[in-house]
N, C-alpha and C. Protein backbone atom coordinates (compact mmCIF):
# COMPACT_ATOMS: atom_id res chain seq x y z
N MET A 1 82.01 183.54 142.43
CA MET A 1 82.32 183.73 141.05
C MET A 1 81.27 182.92 140.18
N THR A 2 81.00 183.62 138.97
CA THR A 2 80.02 183.16 138.01
C THR A 2 80.43 182.11 137.42
N SER A 3 79.57 181.47 136.76
CA SER A 3 80.01 180.22 135.94
C SER A 3 80.71 180.87 134.25
N SER A 4 80.14 182.04 134.00
CA SER A 4 80.85 182.63 132.83
C SER A 4 82.42 183.23 133.20
N ALA A 5 82.53 183.60 134.31
CA ALA A 5 83.72 183.80 134.95
C ALA A 5 84.89 182.67 134.84
N LEU A 6 84.28 181.64 135.27
CA LEU A 6 85.16 180.49 135.50
C LEU A 6 85.41 179.84 134.30
N VAL A 7 85.08 180.03 133.10
CA VAL A 7 85.13 179.27 131.69
C VAL A 7 86.60 179.96 131.46
N PRO A 8 86.68 181.25 131.42
CA PRO A 8 88.41 181.77 130.95
C PRO A 8 89.35 181.04 132.06
N LEU A 9 88.90 181.13 133.33
CA LEU A 9 89.96 180.49 134.39
C LEU A 9 90.17 179.05 133.98
N LEU A 10 89.53 178.06 133.60
CA LEU A 10 89.50 176.84 133.31
C LEU A 10 90.23 176.52 132.08
N LEU A 11 90.07 177.47 131.27
CA LEU A 11 90.81 177.46 129.89
C LEU A 11 92.26 177.54 130.24
N LEU A 12 92.38 178.68 130.90
CA LEU A 12 93.81 178.95 131.23
C LEU A 12 94.49 178.07 131.91
N VAL A 13 93.79 177.44 132.72
CA VAL A 13 94.31 176.16 133.90
C VAL A 13 95.05 175.15 132.60
N ALA A 14 93.94 174.89 131.77
CA ALA A 14 93.99 173.64 130.80
C ALA A 14 95.07 173.85 129.83
N ALA A 15 95.45 175.00 129.52
CA ALA A 15 96.27 175.44 128.52
C ALA A 15 97.45 175.30 129.13
N SER A 16 97.82 175.77 130.15
CA SER A 16 99.05 175.85 131.22
C SER A 16 99.39 174.30 131.47
N ALA A 17 98.57 173.46 131.82
CA ALA A 17 98.97 172.06 132.06
C ALA A 17 99.97 171.45 131.38
N PRO A 18 100.65 170.84 131.82
CA PRO A 18 102.18 169.90 131.04
C PRO A 18 101.21 168.90 130.58
N VAL A 19 101.74 168.90 129.19
CA VAL A 19 101.10 167.59 128.42
C VAL A 19 102.28 166.68 128.27
N ARG A 20 101.77 165.49 128.86
CA ARG A 20 102.87 164.27 128.41
C ARG A 20 102.58 163.38 127.68
N SER A 21 103.46 163.55 126.47
CA SER A 21 103.43 162.59 125.24
C SER A 21 104.45 162.27 124.67
N THR A 22 104.53 161.06 124.01
CA THR A 22 105.67 160.56 123.43
C THR A 22 106.08 161.38 122.10
N GLN A 23 107.49 161.65 122.10
CA GLN A 23 107.67 162.27 120.85
C GLN A 23 107.58 161.35 119.94
N PRO A 24 107.10 161.99 118.10
CA PRO A 24 106.73 161.24 117.27
C PRO A 24 108.16 160.44 116.82
N GLY A 25 108.10 159.74 116.05
CA GLY A 25 109.11 159.23 115.11
C GLY A 25 110.33 158.20 115.65
N VAL A 26 110.13 157.60 116.94
CA VAL A 26 111.20 156.98 117.60
C VAL A 26 111.09 155.67 117.07
N ILE A 27 112.10 155.14 116.23
CA ILE A 27 112.08 153.84 116.01
C ILE A 27 113.20 152.94 116.34
N GLY A 28 112.75 152.05 116.68
CA GLY A 28 113.60 150.73 117.37
C GLY A 28 113.61 149.54 117.33
N TYR A 29 114.08 148.58 118.05
CA TYR A 29 113.84 147.04 117.96
C TYR A 29 113.65 146.65 119.13
N VAL A 30 113.12 145.35 119.31
CA VAL A 30 112.54 144.73 120.66
C VAL A 30 113.29 143.46 120.61
N GLU A 31 114.07 143.03 121.59
CA GLU A 31 114.80 142.06 121.87
C GLU A 31 114.68 141.59 123.38
N GLN A 32 114.39 140.36 123.57
CA GLN A 32 114.38 140.10 125.25
C GLN A 32 113.50 140.97 125.88
N GLY A 33 112.49 141.36 125.52
CA GLY A 33 111.42 142.17 126.41
C GLY A 33 111.96 143.43 126.42
N ARG A 34 112.61 144.13 125.52
CA ARG A 34 113.18 145.52 125.81
C ARG A 34 113.25 146.32 124.44
N PHE A 35 112.70 147.23 124.28
CA PHE A 35 112.44 148.19 123.10
C PHE A 35 113.92 148.84 123.16
N HIS A 36 114.76 148.81 122.40
CA HIS A 36 115.91 149.50 122.21
C HIS A 36 115.56 150.66 121.26
N PRO A 37 115.54 151.94 121.44
CA PRO A 37 115.30 153.28 120.46
C PRO A 37 116.66 152.99 119.62
N LEU A 38 116.79 153.37 118.41
CA LEU A 38 117.72 153.52 117.55
C LEU A 38 117.63 154.89 117.07
N LEU A 39 116.86 155.30 116.61
CA LEU A 39 116.99 156.97 116.07
C LEU A 39 115.59 157.45 115.90
N VAL A 40 115.70 158.81 115.71
CA VAL A 40 114.37 159.46 115.43
C VAL A 40 114.14 160.11 114.05
N VAL A 41 112.95 159.83 113.67
CA VAL A 41 112.79 160.36 112.31
C VAL A 41 111.62 161.56 112.42
N ALA A 42 111.99 162.90 112.23
CA ALA A 42 111.12 163.98 112.25
C ALA A 42 111.39 164.76 111.26
N ALA A 43 110.32 165.45 110.56
CA ALA A 43 110.26 166.28 109.37
C ALA A 43 111.36 165.94 108.45
N ALA A 44 111.23 164.51 108.10
CA ALA A 44 111.99 163.88 107.10
C ALA A 44 113.46 164.11 107.17
N GLN A 45 113.82 164.17 108.48
CA GLN A 45 115.17 164.25 108.74
C GLN A 45 115.56 162.99 109.95
N PHE A 46 116.67 162.42 109.93
CA PHE A 46 117.22 161.38 110.72
C PHE A 46 117.89 162.07 112.12
N GLY A 47 117.60 161.63 113.17
CA GLY A 47 118.39 162.04 114.57
C GLY A 47 118.70 161.21 115.47
N PRO A 48 119.55 161.43 116.24
CA PRO A 48 119.71 160.28 117.41
C PRO A 48 118.48 160.43 118.56
N PHE A 49 118.21 159.34 119.19
CA PHE A 49 117.27 159.21 120.38
C PHE A 49 118.14 159.87 121.34
N ASP A 50 117.58 160.92 122.18
CA ASP A 50 118.32 161.58 123.18
C ASP A 50 117.75 160.74 124.30
N ALA A 51 118.37 159.99 125.33
CA ALA A 51 117.86 159.34 126.51
C ALA A 51 117.69 160.41 127.68
N ARG A 52 118.16 161.64 127.43
CA ARG A 52 118.24 162.72 128.57
C ARG A 52 116.88 163.41 128.51
N THR A 53 116.32 163.57 127.12
CA THR A 53 114.83 164.25 127.16
C THR A 53 113.75 163.36 126.60
N MET A 54 114.00 162.34 125.83
CA MET A 54 112.95 161.70 125.19
C MET A 54 112.40 160.67 126.35
N THR A 55 111.03 160.32 126.13
CA THR A 55 110.54 159.37 127.15
C THR A 55 109.96 157.85 126.08
N LEU A 56 109.96 156.97 126.73
CA LEU A 56 109.55 155.80 126.04
C LEU A 56 108.08 155.27 126.40
N THR A 57 107.97 155.50 127.83
CA THR A 57 107.00 154.80 128.86
C THR A 57 105.40 155.47 128.03
N GLY A 58 104.83 154.50 128.04
CA GLY A 58 103.25 154.91 127.77
C GLY A 58 102.90 155.06 126.01
N ALA A 59 103.99 154.82 125.31
CA ALA A 59 103.92 154.85 123.95
C ALA A 59 103.39 153.49 123.60
N VAL A 60 102.84 153.33 122.48
CA VAL A 60 102.48 152.25 121.80
C VAL A 60 103.31 151.82 120.54
N ALA A 61 104.00 150.75 120.72
CA ALA A 61 105.04 150.51 119.76
C ALA A 61 104.40 149.40 118.45
N ARG A 62 104.33 149.75 117.17
CA ARG A 62 103.68 149.12 116.22
C ARG A 62 105.01 148.77 115.07
N ASP A 63 104.69 147.86 114.51
CA ASP A 63 105.67 147.44 113.49
C ASP A 63 105.83 148.45 112.49
N ALA A 64 106.95 149.02 112.29
CA ALA A 64 107.22 150.21 111.71
C ALA A 64 106.95 149.94 109.98
N PHE A 65 107.45 148.95 109.45
CA PHE A 65 107.10 148.76 108.02
C PHE A 65 106.08 147.78 107.47
N ALA A 66 105.48 146.97 108.53
CA ALA A 66 104.46 146.04 108.22
C ALA A 66 102.99 146.70 108.60
N ASP A 67 102.16 146.30 107.61
CA ASP A 67 100.57 146.64 107.90
C ASP A 67 100.10 145.51 108.75
N GLY A 68 99.40 145.80 110.02
CA GLY A 68 98.82 144.69 110.78
C GLY A 68 99.97 143.92 111.42
N GLY A 69 101.17 144.29 111.76
CA GLY A 69 102.01 143.54 112.57
C GLY A 69 101.77 143.91 113.85
N ALA A 70 102.94 143.40 114.69
CA ALA A 70 102.74 143.43 116.01
C ALA A 70 102.44 144.86 116.84
N GLU A 71 101.71 144.87 117.80
CA GLU A 71 101.36 146.23 118.52
C GLU A 71 101.24 146.12 119.91
N PHE A 72 101.85 146.84 120.83
CA PHE A 72 102.10 146.56 122.21
C PHE A 72 102.78 147.89 122.93
N PRO A 73 102.12 148.20 124.06
CA PRO A 73 102.58 149.19 125.06
C PRO A 73 104.00 149.37 125.45
N ILE A 74 104.74 150.34 125.62
CA ILE A 74 105.76 150.07 126.42
C ILE A 74 105.62 150.47 127.78
N GLN A 75 105.85 149.37 128.94
CA GLN A 75 105.33 149.84 130.05
C GLN A 75 105.95 150.28 131.11
N ALA A 76 107.36 150.39 130.91
CA ALA A 76 108.29 151.25 131.62
C ALA A 76 109.65 151.42 130.75
N GLU A 77 110.65 152.30 131.54
CA GLU A 77 111.60 152.61 130.95
C GLU A 77 112.82 152.35 131.94
N ARG A 78 113.76 152.06 131.39
CA ARG A 78 115.16 151.59 132.28
C ARG A 78 116.24 152.66 131.59
N GLU A 79 117.07 153.08 132.52
CA GLU A 79 118.26 153.80 132.00
C GLU A 79 119.44 153.07 132.34
N TYR A 80 120.54 153.23 131.59
CA TYR A 80 121.86 152.47 131.76
C TYR A 80 122.69 153.26 130.99
N ALA A 81 123.93 153.08 131.15
CA ALA A 81 125.05 153.62 130.62
C ALA A 81 125.52 152.84 129.44
N ASP A 82 125.73 153.47 128.01
CA ASP A 82 126.16 152.48 126.91
C ASP A 82 127.54 152.47 126.79
N PRO A 83 127.99 151.41 125.83
CA PRO A 83 129.31 151.17 126.09
C PRO A 83 130.28 152.52 126.08
N ASN A 84 129.94 153.62 125.45
CA ASN A 84 130.81 154.69 125.86
C ASN A 84 130.41 155.61 126.90
N GLY A 85 129.79 154.92 127.77
CA GLY A 85 129.33 155.78 129.17
C GLY A 85 128.46 156.62 128.88
N GLU A 86 127.71 156.96 128.00
CA GLU A 86 126.74 157.94 127.67
C GLU A 86 125.34 157.33 128.26
N PRO A 87 124.62 158.34 128.71
CA PRO A 87 123.37 157.66 129.27
C PRO A 87 122.25 157.27 127.67
N ALA A 88 121.69 156.11 128.33
CA ALA A 88 120.87 155.46 127.45
C ALA A 88 119.71 154.88 128.25
N LYS A 89 118.94 154.60 127.26
CA LYS A 89 117.57 153.72 127.98
C LYS A 89 116.86 152.83 127.17
N TYR A 90 116.15 151.82 127.60
CA TYR A 90 115.32 150.93 126.98
C TYR A 90 113.89 151.14 127.58
N GLY A 91 112.90 150.60 126.91
CA GLY A 91 111.50 150.32 127.31
C GLY A 91 111.44 149.03 127.46
N LEU A 92 110.44 148.68 128.27
CA LEU A 92 109.96 147.31 128.82
C LEU A 92 109.04 146.99 128.18
N ALA A 93 108.73 145.71 127.39
CA ALA A 93 108.04 145.08 126.67
C ALA A 93 108.24 143.65 126.76
N PRO A 94 107.49 143.06 128.13
CA PRO A 94 107.72 141.89 128.61
C PRO A 94 107.27 140.68 127.68
N GLY A 95 108.14 139.73 127.38
CA GLY A 95 107.38 138.86 126.72
C GLY A 95 107.73 138.84 125.12
N ARG A 96 108.29 139.90 124.72
CA ARG A 96 108.32 140.44 123.35
C ARG A 96 109.60 140.05 122.83
N SER A 97 110.16 139.55 121.79
CA SER A 97 111.27 139.50 121.09
C SER A 97 111.12 139.26 119.51
N TYR A 98 111.64 140.02 118.65
CA TYR A 98 111.39 140.02 117.17
C TYR A 98 112.67 140.07 116.54
N ALA A 99 113.17 139.04 115.77
CA ALA A 99 114.50 138.90 115.45
C ALA A 99 114.61 140.01 113.74
N ALA A 100 113.38 139.79 113.30
CA ALA A 100 113.29 140.51 111.96
C ALA A 100 112.35 141.69 111.87
N ALA A 101 112.33 142.45 112.93
CA ALA A 101 111.23 143.58 112.84
C ALA A 101 111.89 144.89 113.42
N PHE A 102 111.38 146.21 112.85
CA PHE A 102 111.53 147.34 113.48
C PHE A 102 110.38 147.80 114.18
N PHE A 103 110.37 148.64 115.27
CA PHE A 103 109.04 149.25 115.66
C PHE A 103 109.04 150.63 115.81
N ALA A 104 107.90 151.31 115.44
CA ALA A 104 108.03 152.84 115.59
C ALA A 104 107.01 153.38 116.85
N LEU A 105 107.22 154.11 117.74
CA LEU A 105 106.49 154.57 118.80
C LEU A 105 105.24 155.46 118.24
N SER A 106 104.20 155.27 118.36
CA SER A 106 102.93 156.25 118.15
C SER A 106 103.00 156.35 116.67
N ARG A 107 103.19 155.28 115.97
CA ARG A 107 103.40 155.44 114.59
C ARG A 107 102.16 155.82 113.52
N GLY A 108 100.78 155.66 114.17
CA GLY A 108 99.67 155.94 113.70
C GLY A 108 99.28 154.87 112.78
N ALA A 109 98.05 154.86 111.69
CA ALA A 109 97.66 153.65 111.35
C ALA A 109 98.18 153.34 110.20
N LYS A 110 99.12 153.76 109.50
CA LYS A 110 99.81 153.39 108.23
C LYS A 110 101.34 153.03 108.62
N PRO A 111 101.87 152.02 108.13
CA PRO A 111 103.32 151.71 108.22
C PRO A 111 103.96 152.74 107.61
N LEU A 112 105.18 152.80 107.91
CA LEU A 112 106.03 153.48 107.08
C LEU A 112 106.58 153.09 105.64
N PRO A 113 106.66 153.81 104.70
CA PRO A 113 106.86 153.47 103.32
C PRO A 113 108.08 152.28 103.27
N SER A 114 108.23 151.24 102.55
CA SER A 114 109.48 150.53 102.53
C SER A 114 109.36 149.60 101.42
N SER A 115 110.46 148.79 100.98
CA SER A 115 110.33 147.60 100.40
C SER A 115 111.37 146.65 100.67
N ALA A 116 111.49 145.50 100.19
CA ALA A 116 112.50 144.52 100.34
C ALA A 116 113.83 144.85 99.58
N PRO A 117 114.87 145.01 100.15
CA PRO A 117 116.01 145.59 99.43
C PRO A 117 116.54 144.58 98.27
N THR A 118 116.86 145.27 97.30
CA THR A 118 117.19 144.56 96.22
C THR A 118 118.50 144.09 96.26
N PRO A 119 118.71 142.85 95.53
CA PRO A 119 120.00 142.28 95.60
C PRO A 119 121.22 143.12 95.35
N GLU A 120 121.00 143.93 94.61
CA GLU A 120 122.24 144.90 94.00
C GLU A 120 122.67 145.85 95.45
N LEU A 121 121.65 146.17 96.13
CA LEU A 121 121.73 147.35 97.25
C LEU A 121 122.38 146.42 98.31
N VAL A 122 121.96 145.30 98.60
CA VAL A 122 122.67 144.44 99.82
C VAL A 122 124.00 144.03 99.24
N GLN A 123 124.24 143.81 98.07
CA GLN A 123 125.67 143.19 97.74
C GLN A 123 126.64 144.57 98.03
N SER A 124 126.14 145.78 97.51
CA SER A 124 126.87 146.95 97.80
C SER A 124 127.31 147.02 99.21
N PHE A 125 126.06 147.13 99.97
CA PHE A 125 126.33 147.24 101.52
C PHE A 125 127.28 146.08 102.05
N LEU A 126 127.27 145.10 101.77
CA LEU A 126 128.01 143.95 102.30
C LEU A 126 129.50 144.11 101.84
N ARG A 127 129.80 144.41 100.59
CA ARG A 127 131.03 144.76 99.90
C ARG A 127 131.71 146.11 101.19
N PHE A 128 130.97 147.16 101.29
CA PHE A 128 131.36 148.02 102.10
C PHE A 128 131.60 147.74 103.35
N LEU A 129 130.97 146.79 104.02
CA LEU A 129 131.30 146.10 105.32
C LEU A 129 132.06 145.14 105.38
N ALA A 130 132.85 144.58 104.27
CA ALA A 130 133.61 143.60 104.18
C ALA A 130 134.29 143.20 105.39
N ASP A 131 135.38 144.09 105.96
CA ASP A 131 136.26 144.11 107.02
C ASP A 131 135.69 144.13 108.60
N ASP A 132 134.31 144.30 108.38
CA ASP A 132 133.71 144.41 109.83
C ASP A 132 133.23 143.14 110.42
N GLU A 133 133.09 143.20 111.61
CA GLU A 133 133.01 141.55 112.24
C GLU A 133 131.21 141.58 112.17
N ARG A 134 130.64 142.80 112.05
CA ARG A 134 128.76 142.48 111.81
C ARG A 134 128.57 142.07 110.25
N ALA A 135 129.51 141.98 109.42
CA ALA A 135 129.45 141.72 108.22
C ALA A 135 128.93 140.35 107.95
N SER A 136 129.54 139.14 108.89
CA SER A 136 129.39 137.97 108.66
C SER A 136 128.14 137.32 108.79
N GLU A 137 127.15 137.89 109.61
CA GLU A 137 125.58 137.37 109.67
C GLU A 137 124.90 138.57 109.68
N VAL A 138 124.74 139.13 108.41
CA VAL A 138 123.82 140.27 108.44
C VAL A 138 122.62 140.18 107.53
N SER A 139 121.60 140.41 108.05
CA SER A 139 120.18 140.23 107.34
C SER A 139 119.65 141.68 107.01
N ALA A 140 119.64 142.04 105.77
CA ALA A 140 118.97 143.15 105.30
C ALA A 140 117.50 143.09 105.13
N LEU A 141 116.74 143.75 106.10
CA LEU A 141 115.39 143.55 106.06
C LEU A 141 114.41 144.18 105.42
N TYR A 142 114.89 145.94 105.39
CA TYR A 142 113.98 146.98 104.61
C TYR A 142 114.84 147.65 104.13
N ALA A 143 114.49 148.27 102.59
CA ALA A 143 114.91 149.33 102.31
C ALA A 143 113.74 150.55 102.25
N THR A 144 114.42 151.77 102.48
CA THR A 144 113.55 153.01 102.70
C THR A 144 114.08 153.98 102.07
N ASP A 145 113.48 155.35 101.82
CA ASP A 145 113.94 156.51 101.58
C ASP A 145 112.99 157.59 102.42
N LEU A 146 113.14 157.49 103.77
CA LEU A 146 112.46 158.09 104.68
C LEU A 146 112.45 159.54 104.73
N ASP A 147 113.75 160.00 104.26
CA ASP A 147 114.14 161.52 104.45
C ASP A 147 113.96 162.03 102.80
N GLY A 148 113.41 161.25 101.86
CA GLY A 148 113.14 161.70 100.76
C GLY A 148 114.24 162.41 99.92
N ASP A 149 115.56 161.80 100.28
CA ASP A 149 116.71 162.39 99.41
C ASP A 149 117.10 161.51 98.11
N GLY A 150 116.57 160.63 98.16
CA GLY A 150 116.78 159.72 96.71
C GLY A 150 117.77 158.66 97.11
N LYS A 151 118.42 158.86 98.51
CA LYS A 151 119.44 157.58 98.77
C LYS A 151 118.62 156.85 99.79
N MET A 152 118.78 155.45 99.39
CA MET A 152 118.14 154.44 100.23
C MET A 152 118.83 154.31 101.58
N GLU A 153 117.96 153.94 102.44
CA GLU A 153 118.34 153.79 103.82
C GLU A 153 118.18 152.07 104.01
N LEU A 154 119.26 151.39 104.58
CA LEU A 154 118.95 149.97 104.51
C LEU A 154 118.87 149.36 106.21
N TRP A 155 117.81 149.17 106.45
CA TRP A 155 117.46 148.53 107.69
C TRP A 155 117.92 146.96 108.25
N SER A 156 118.89 146.74 109.08
CA SER A 156 119.41 145.35 108.87
C SER A 156 119.42 144.87 110.52
N ALA A 157 119.48 143.57 110.48
CA ALA A 157 119.63 142.80 111.88
C ALA A 157 121.15 142.15 111.67
N TYR A 158 121.90 141.77 112.71
CA TYR A 158 123.11 141.04 112.59
C TYR A 158 123.21 140.53 113.92
N ARG A 159 124.41 139.54 113.87
CA ARG A 159 124.47 138.70 115.05
C ARG A 159 126.14 138.67 114.93
N ARG A 160 126.95 138.89 116.12
CA ARG A 160 128.42 138.94 116.15
C ARG A 160 128.67 137.71 116.76
N ALA A 161 130.16 137.09 116.52
CA ALA A 161 130.37 136.08 116.93
C ALA A 161 130.51 135.90 118.30
N SER A 162 130.47 136.90 119.05
CA SER A 162 130.58 136.91 120.53
C SER A 162 129.05 136.36 120.88
N GLY A 163 128.09 136.51 119.96
CA GLY A 163 126.92 136.13 120.26
C GLY A 163 125.91 137.23 120.70
N GLY A 164 126.32 138.57 120.53
CA GLY A 164 125.69 139.84 120.66
C GLY A 164 124.57 139.83 119.38
N THR A 165 123.66 140.43 119.35
CA THR A 165 122.72 140.68 118.32
C THR A 165 122.29 142.17 118.37
N GLY A 166 122.17 142.61 117.04
CA GLY A 166 122.02 144.12 117.24
C GLY A 166 121.26 144.46 115.66
N ARG A 167 120.89 145.77 115.75
CA ARG A 167 120.24 146.24 114.44
C ARG A 167 120.93 147.45 114.04
N MET A 168 121.08 147.73 112.52
CA MET A 168 121.54 148.87 112.43
C MET A 168 120.87 149.37 111.20
N VAL A 169 120.99 150.84 110.72
CA VAL A 169 120.69 151.55 109.68
C VAL A 169 121.51 152.23 109.21
N TRP A 170 121.74 152.01 107.85
CA TRP A 170 122.65 152.90 107.00
C TRP A 170 122.32 153.43 105.85
N GLU A 171 122.80 154.26 105.11
CA GLU A 171 122.20 155.26 104.03
C GLU A 171 123.21 155.31 103.01
N GLN A 172 122.77 154.95 101.89
CA GLN A 172 123.59 154.75 100.77
C GLN A 172 123.99 156.26 100.25
N ARG A 173 125.18 156.58 99.96
CA ARG A 173 125.81 157.82 99.49
C ARG A 173 125.70 157.68 97.95
N ALA A 174 125.72 159.03 97.58
CA ALA A 174 125.92 159.45 96.14
C ALA A 174 126.96 158.76 95.40
N GLN A 175 128.19 158.46 96.05
CA GLN A 175 129.22 158.15 95.59
C GLN A 175 129.06 156.29 95.56
N ALA A 176 129.24 155.78 94.41
CA ALA A 176 129.06 154.22 94.26
C ALA A 176 129.81 153.60 95.59
N GLY A 177 129.10 152.45 95.95
CA GLY A 177 129.60 152.02 97.29
C GLY A 177 129.97 152.40 98.45
N ALA A 178 129.31 153.89 98.53
CA ALA A 178 129.89 154.27 99.95
C ALA A 178 128.54 154.50 100.79
N TRP A 179 128.61 154.30 101.83
CA TRP A 179 127.29 154.20 102.68
C TRP A 179 127.84 155.23 104.21
N VAL A 180 126.96 155.65 104.98
CA VAL A 180 126.93 156.25 106.07
C VAL A 180 126.28 155.53 107.07
N GLU A 181 126.57 155.34 108.27
CA GLU A 181 125.83 154.71 109.55
C GLU A 181 124.84 155.91 110.00
N LEU A 182 123.54 155.60 110.21
CA LEU A 182 122.64 156.40 110.96
C LEU A 182 122.46 155.95 112.38
N ALA A 183 122.59 154.68 112.67
CA ALA A 183 122.14 154.15 114.11
C ALA A 183 122.73 152.51 114.07
N ASP A 184 123.32 152.33 115.18
CA ASP A 184 123.53 151.20 115.29
C ASP A 184 123.55 150.70 116.82
N ARG A 185 122.94 149.61 117.27
CA ARG A 185 122.89 149.15 118.58
C ARG A 185 122.99 147.67 118.74
N CYS A 186 123.83 147.25 119.78
CA CYS A 186 123.88 145.88 119.77
C CYS A 186 123.37 145.37 121.03
N TYR A 187 122.58 144.22 121.09
CA TYR A 187 122.18 143.94 122.71
C TYR A 187 122.96 142.66 122.81
N GLY A 188 123.77 142.68 124.01
CA GLY A 188 124.72 141.56 124.41
C GLY A 188 126.22 141.86 123.97
N CYS A 189 126.55 143.03 123.46
CA CYS A 189 128.01 143.17 123.07
C CYS A 189 128.50 144.46 124.22
N SER A 190 129.68 143.94 124.46
CA SER A 190 130.34 144.82 125.22
C SER A 190 129.71 145.03 126.66
N VAL A 191 128.95 146.19 126.85
CA VAL A 191 128.57 146.58 127.74
C VAL A 191 126.86 146.34 127.93
N SER A 192 126.12 145.38 128.49
CA SER A 192 124.69 145.29 128.23
C SER A 192 123.96 146.18 129.28
N PRO A 193 122.73 146.51 128.98
CA PRO A 193 122.01 147.02 129.82
C PRO A 193 121.40 146.57 131.13
N ASN A 194 121.12 146.97 132.30
CA ASN A 194 120.67 146.25 133.31
C ASN A 194 119.33 145.60 133.51
């Protein structure tokens, strides 16, 4: 076979080879050496992280909202069942733990647009959560409008009386004082991952 005949064959083989890449838009948090995915942001839409089809291994986690923040690889992933018995997974980030940060996998050079939440936004959110056990120790960390709909998302950390800590993302609704939960994950609450 001549070299000119090999070129189309090599291009065909290269094009058909599976490409392993981490899907863009996975945002989560890191606690006790584990990256916990919260949600996926793609095409200005929020969606759930699908542990059955999405991968974490090999991705680089960067602080989602801060320029020049922490950056590290996800070394491996572990599967477990969440408190509802659904498949879940976390990524290994040995020696890492951040109480007040969110991380995006394969984020790119620039952080996602965010600001400090206004006192009015925080008060509205805390009034909404008044009867929720998460409301006692909530830290509102970032306000965003990643989906561009004009309604603010609030990225928060919390600690339960049981000692479990978690992160949650809620979006403000058009109706005054109304919020909808986009994601919530609590490490050390109910069933913990192995």
